[in-house]
Structures are given as structure tokens and as C-alpha cells.
N, C-alpha and C. Protein backbone atom coordinates (compact mmCIF):
# COMPACT_ATOMS: atom_id res chain seq x y z
N MET A 1 -9.49 26.06 4.73
CA MET A 1 -9.85 25.59 6.06
C MET A 1 -9.66 24.08 6.18
N MET A 2 -10.13 23.35 5.15
CA MET A 2 -10.02 21.91 5.19
C MET A 2 -8.56 21.47 5.15
N ARG A 3 -7.74 22.23 4.44
CA ARG A 3 -6.31 21.91 4.35
C ARG A 3 -5.66 22.00 5.73
N TYR A 4 -6.01 23.02 6.51
CA TYR A 4 -5.44 23.17 7.84
C TYR A 4 -5.91 22.06 8.77
N LEU A 5 -7.16 21.68 8.65
CA LEU A 5 -7.68 20.59 9.45
C LEU A 5 -6.97 19.28 9.11
N SER A 6 -6.72 19.07 7.84
CA SER A 6 -6.00 17.88 7.40
C SER A 6 -4.58 17.85 7.98
N TRP A 7 -3.89 18.97 7.93
CA TRP A 7 -2.53 19.03 8.47
C TRP A 7 -2.54 18.85 9.98
N ALA A 8 -3.53 19.41 10.65
CA ALA A 8 -3.64 19.26 12.11
C ALA A 8 -3.87 17.79 12.47
N LEU A 9 -4.71 17.11 11.69
CA LEU A 9 -4.96 15.69 11.94
C LEU A 9 -3.69 14.87 11.70
N ARG A 10 -2.96 15.19 10.64
CA ARG A 10 -1.70 14.49 10.37
C ARG A 10 -0.69 14.71 11.49
N ALA A 11 -0.59 15.95 11.97
CA ALA A 11 0.35 16.25 13.06
C ALA A 11 -0.05 15.50 14.33
N PHE A 12 -1.32 15.45 14.62
CA PHE A 12 -1.80 14.73 15.80
C PHE A 12 -1.50 13.25 15.68
N LEU A 13 -1.75 12.67 14.52
CA LEU A 13 -1.48 11.26 14.30
C LEU A 13 0.01 10.96 14.41
N PHE A 14 0.84 11.84 13.85
CA PHE A 14 2.29 11.67 13.97
C PHE A 14 2.73 11.70 15.42
N LEU A 15 2.24 12.68 16.18
CA LEU A 15 2.63 12.77 17.59
C LEU A 15 2.14 11.57 18.39
N LEU A 16 0.96 11.09 18.07
CA LEU A 16 0.43 9.91 18.75
C LEU A 16 1.31 8.69 18.47
N LEU A 17 1.67 8.48 17.22
CA LEU A 17 2.52 7.34 16.87
C LEU A 17 3.94 7.51 17.39
N PHE A 18 4.45 8.73 17.39
CA PHE A 18 5.78 8.99 17.93
C PHE A 18 5.80 8.70 19.43
N GLY A 19 4.76 9.11 20.14
CA GLY A 19 4.66 8.80 21.57
C GLY A 19 4.57 7.31 21.82
N PHE A 20 3.85 6.59 20.96
CA PHE A 20 3.76 5.13 21.05
C PHE A 20 5.15 4.52 20.89
N ALA A 21 5.90 5.00 19.92
CA ALA A 21 7.24 4.48 19.67
C ALA A 21 8.16 4.75 20.87
N LEU A 22 8.05 5.93 21.47
CA LEU A 22 8.89 6.26 22.61
C LEU A 22 8.55 5.41 23.83
N LYS A 23 7.29 5.04 23.98
CA LYS A 23 6.86 4.23 25.12
C LYS A 23 7.23 2.76 24.96
N ASN A 24 7.52 2.32 23.74
CA ASN A 24 7.76 0.91 23.46
C ASN A 24 9.16 0.68 22.90
N THR A 25 10.16 1.09 23.67
CA THR A 25 11.54 0.93 23.24
C THR A 25 12.19 -0.32 23.81
N ALA A 26 11.47 -1.09 24.59
CA ALA A 26 12.04 -2.31 25.18
C ALA A 26 12.38 -3.30 24.06
N PRO A 27 13.52 -3.97 24.19
CA PRO A 27 13.90 -4.91 23.14
C PRO A 27 13.02 -6.16 23.17
N VAL A 28 12.71 -6.65 22.00
CA VAL A 28 11.96 -7.90 21.85
C VAL A 28 12.74 -8.79 20.90
N THR A 29 12.48 -10.08 20.99
CA THR A 29 13.12 -11.05 20.11
C THR A 29 12.07 -11.64 19.20
N VAL A 30 12.30 -11.50 17.91
CA VAL A 30 11.43 -12.11 16.91
C VAL A 30 12.16 -13.35 16.42
N ARG A 31 11.54 -14.51 16.64
CA ARG A 31 12.17 -15.77 16.26
C ARG A 31 11.63 -16.24 14.92
N PHE A 32 12.54 -16.56 14.02
CA PHE A 32 12.19 -17.07 12.70
C PHE A 32 12.47 -18.56 12.67
N TYR A 33 12.24 -19.16 11.54
CA TYR A 33 12.51 -20.58 11.37
C TYR A 33 14.01 -20.83 11.31
N LEU A 34 14.40 -22.06 11.50
CA LEU A 34 15.79 -22.53 11.43
C LEU A 34 16.68 -21.85 12.47
N GLY A 35 16.08 -21.45 13.58
CA GLY A 35 16.85 -20.94 14.70
C GLY A 35 17.32 -19.50 14.59
N SER A 36 16.96 -18.79 13.54
CA SER A 36 17.38 -17.39 13.44
C SER A 36 16.47 -16.50 14.27
N ALA A 37 17.02 -15.41 14.76
CA ALA A 37 16.26 -14.49 15.61
C ALA A 37 16.71 -13.06 15.33
N TRP A 38 15.82 -12.12 15.68
CA TRP A 38 16.10 -10.71 15.48
C TRP A 38 15.75 -9.98 16.76
N ASP A 39 16.71 -9.32 17.36
CA ASP A 39 16.49 -8.51 18.57
C ASP A 39 16.41 -7.05 18.16
N ALA A 40 15.30 -6.41 18.48
CA ALA A 40 15.10 -5.01 18.11
C ALA A 40 14.06 -4.39 19.04
N PRO A 41 14.02 -3.06 19.11
CA PRO A 41 12.96 -2.41 19.90
C PRO A 41 11.57 -2.75 19.34
N LEU A 42 10.60 -2.86 20.22
CA LEU A 42 9.25 -3.23 19.82
C LEU A 42 8.69 -2.29 18.77
N ALA A 43 8.91 -1.00 18.91
CA ALA A 43 8.38 -0.03 17.94
C ALA A 43 8.96 -0.28 16.55
N LEU A 44 10.24 -0.64 16.48
CA LEU A 44 10.86 -0.93 15.19
C LEU A 44 10.28 -2.20 14.57
N VAL A 45 10.03 -3.20 15.39
CA VAL A 45 9.43 -4.44 14.89
C VAL A 45 8.03 -4.17 14.35
N VAL A 46 7.24 -3.41 15.08
CA VAL A 46 5.88 -3.08 14.63
C VAL A 46 5.94 -2.27 13.33
N LEU A 47 6.84 -1.30 13.26
CA LEU A 47 6.99 -0.49 12.05
C LEU A 47 7.42 -1.35 10.87
N ALA A 48 8.36 -2.26 11.08
CA ALA A 48 8.84 -3.12 9.98
C ALA A 48 7.72 -4.01 9.44
N PHE A 49 6.94 -4.61 10.32
CA PHE A 49 5.87 -5.48 9.86
C PHE A 49 4.71 -4.68 9.26
N PHE A 50 4.48 -3.48 9.75
CA PHE A 50 3.47 -2.61 9.13
C PHE A 50 3.90 -2.24 7.71
N ALA A 51 5.18 -1.87 7.55
CA ALA A 51 5.69 -1.52 6.22
C ALA A 51 5.62 -2.71 5.27
N ALA A 52 5.92 -3.90 5.78
CA ALA A 52 5.82 -5.10 4.94
C ALA A 52 4.38 -5.35 4.52
N GLY A 53 3.44 -5.12 5.41
CA GLY A 53 2.03 -5.28 5.07
C GLY A 53 1.57 -4.25 4.04
N VAL A 54 2.02 -3.03 4.18
CA VAL A 54 1.69 -1.98 3.20
C VAL A 54 2.25 -2.35 1.84
N ALA A 55 3.51 -2.81 1.82
CA ALA A 55 4.13 -3.20 0.55
C ALA A 55 3.37 -4.36 -0.10
N ALA A 56 2.95 -5.33 0.68
CA ALA A 56 2.19 -6.46 0.14
C ALA A 56 0.84 -5.99 -0.40
N GLY A 57 0.18 -5.08 0.31
CA GLY A 57 -1.09 -4.55 -0.15
C GLY A 57 -0.96 -3.75 -1.44
N VAL A 58 0.08 -2.93 -1.53
CA VAL A 58 0.31 -2.15 -2.75
C VAL A 58 0.62 -3.08 -3.92
N ALA A 59 1.42 -4.10 -3.68
CA ALA A 59 1.74 -5.05 -4.75
C ALA A 59 0.49 -5.77 -5.23
N ALA A 60 -0.38 -6.16 -4.32
CA ALA A 60 -1.62 -6.82 -4.72
C ALA A 60 -2.52 -5.86 -5.50
N GLY A 61 -2.58 -4.62 -5.07
CA GLY A 61 -3.39 -3.62 -5.78
C GLY A 61 -2.85 -3.33 -7.17
N LEU A 62 -1.53 -3.27 -7.30
CA LEU A 62 -0.93 -3.02 -8.61
C LEU A 62 -1.18 -4.19 -9.56
N ALA A 63 -1.13 -5.39 -9.04
CA ALA A 63 -1.39 -6.56 -9.88
C ALA A 63 -2.84 -6.53 -10.38
N HIS A 64 -3.76 -6.17 -9.51
CA HIS A 64 -5.17 -6.08 -9.91
C HIS A 64 -5.37 -4.97 -10.94
N ALA A 65 -4.75 -3.82 -10.73
CA ALA A 65 -4.88 -2.71 -11.68
C ALA A 65 -4.28 -3.08 -13.03
N HIS A 66 -3.16 -3.78 -13.03
CA HIS A 66 -2.53 -4.20 -14.30
C HIS A 66 -3.45 -5.15 -15.06
N ARG A 67 -4.06 -6.07 -14.35
CA ARG A 67 -5.01 -7.00 -14.97
C ARG A 67 -6.19 -6.24 -15.58
N GLN A 68 -6.71 -5.26 -14.87
CA GLN A 68 -7.83 -4.47 -15.38
C GLN A 68 -7.45 -3.67 -16.61
N ARG A 69 -6.26 -3.08 -16.60
CA ARG A 69 -5.82 -2.31 -17.78
C ARG A 69 -5.68 -3.20 -19.00
N ARG A 70 -5.13 -4.39 -18.80
CA ARG A 70 -4.98 -5.32 -19.91
C ARG A 70 -6.35 -5.71 -20.47
N GLU A 71 -7.32 -5.93 -19.59
CA GLU A 71 -8.68 -6.27 -20.03
C GLU A 71 -9.32 -5.10 -20.78
N ILE A 72 -9.10 -3.88 -20.31
CA ILE A 72 -9.65 -2.70 -20.99
C ILE A 72 -9.08 -2.57 -22.39
N VAL A 73 -7.78 -2.80 -22.54
CA VAL A 73 -7.15 -2.73 -23.87
C VAL A 73 -7.78 -3.78 -24.79
N GLU A 74 -7.96 -4.99 -24.30
CA GLU A 74 -8.58 -6.04 -25.11
C GLU A 74 -10.01 -5.68 -25.50
N LEU A 75 -10.76 -5.11 -24.57
CA LEU A 75 -12.15 -4.74 -24.87
C LEU A 75 -12.21 -3.60 -25.89
N ARG A 76 -11.27 -2.66 -25.80
CA ARG A 76 -11.24 -1.57 -26.80
C ARG A 76 -10.92 -2.11 -28.19
N LYS A 77 -9.99 -3.06 -28.26
CA LYS A 77 -9.68 -3.68 -29.55
C LYS A 77 -10.90 -4.38 -30.11
N GLU A 78 -11.61 -5.10 -29.27
CA GLU A 78 -12.82 -5.80 -29.70
C GLU A 78 -13.88 -4.82 -30.16
N LEU A 79 -14.02 -3.71 -29.48
CA LEU A 79 -15.00 -2.69 -29.86
C LEU A 79 -14.64 -2.08 -31.21
N ARG A 80 -13.35 -1.83 -31.46
CA ARG A 80 -12.94 -1.29 -32.76
C ARG A 80 -13.23 -2.28 -33.89
N VAL A 81 -13.02 -3.55 -33.63
CA VAL A 81 -13.30 -4.57 -34.65
C VAL A 81 -14.79 -4.62 -34.94
N ARG A 82 -15.63 -4.54 -33.93
CA ARG A 82 -17.08 -4.63 -34.12
C ARG A 82 -17.65 -3.41 -34.82
N THR A 83 -17.13 -2.22 -34.49
CA THR A 83 -17.70 -1.00 -35.07
C THR A 83 -17.07 -0.66 -36.41
N GLY A 84 -15.93 -1.24 -36.73
CA GLY A 84 -15.29 -0.96 -38.01
C GLY A 84 -14.55 0.36 -37.97
N PRO A 85 -14.04 0.83 -39.12
CA PRO A 85 -13.32 2.10 -39.16
C PRO A 85 -14.22 3.26 -38.73
N ALA A 86 -13.61 4.33 -38.28
CA ALA A 86 -14.35 5.46 -37.72
C ALA A 86 -15.26 6.14 -38.73
N GLY A 87 -14.96 6.05 -40.01
CA GLY A 87 -15.76 6.75 -41.01
C GLY A 87 -16.96 5.99 -41.56
N ASP A 88 -17.21 4.77 -41.10
CA ASP A 88 -18.28 3.93 -41.66
C ASP A 88 -19.57 3.98 -40.86
N HIS A 89 -19.88 5.07 -40.17
CA HIS A 89 -21.08 5.12 -39.33
C HIS A 89 -22.32 5.54 -40.09
N GLY A 90 -22.24 6.12 -41.22
CA GLY A 90 -23.46 6.64 -41.77
C GLY A 90 -23.56 6.57 -43.19
């Protein structure tokens, strides 16, 4: 049941965003530095900047996860040094 509700929500969200894209096909100009510009439909510009934001967020999350994994490895090494070999507990 939950799977069908999830797919229905995804379909609704897709249709909502697709309708937004169809309503916003007017060309816009995005001006960059040094006089360069990009003419594209508004929906494409919004999609491109959304994708760039997602990519930046994923990259930041991966960097944080990599740092945490490295710290975990160091802590496990330290724990092994403190506890000694596995057979010396008793």
C-alpha cells in the first residue's frame, strides 16, 4: 500500500513540475561576468541551477562522509593499540 502511495506522490510531483516547465517556456537571458550571456527557456535555467545546487550539496556531503570515515579508521587503529592483541583479554 505504501509503495503505491509513494509512486502516486512521485507521479503527482512529476506532473506538477512538468506543468510548471510547460508554463515557463519564455526565453530569459542569464548574464554572466565579462559580458557573456545565455539565452534559454526559464524552465531550463531553473532546472540547470537546481541541478548545480544538488551537485554542490552532494559534493559537500561526500566530503563530510569521507572525513568521518577517515576519523573512524584512525579511532579503530587507536582502539586496537590500546586493547592490544585479541587474545590478551583474560
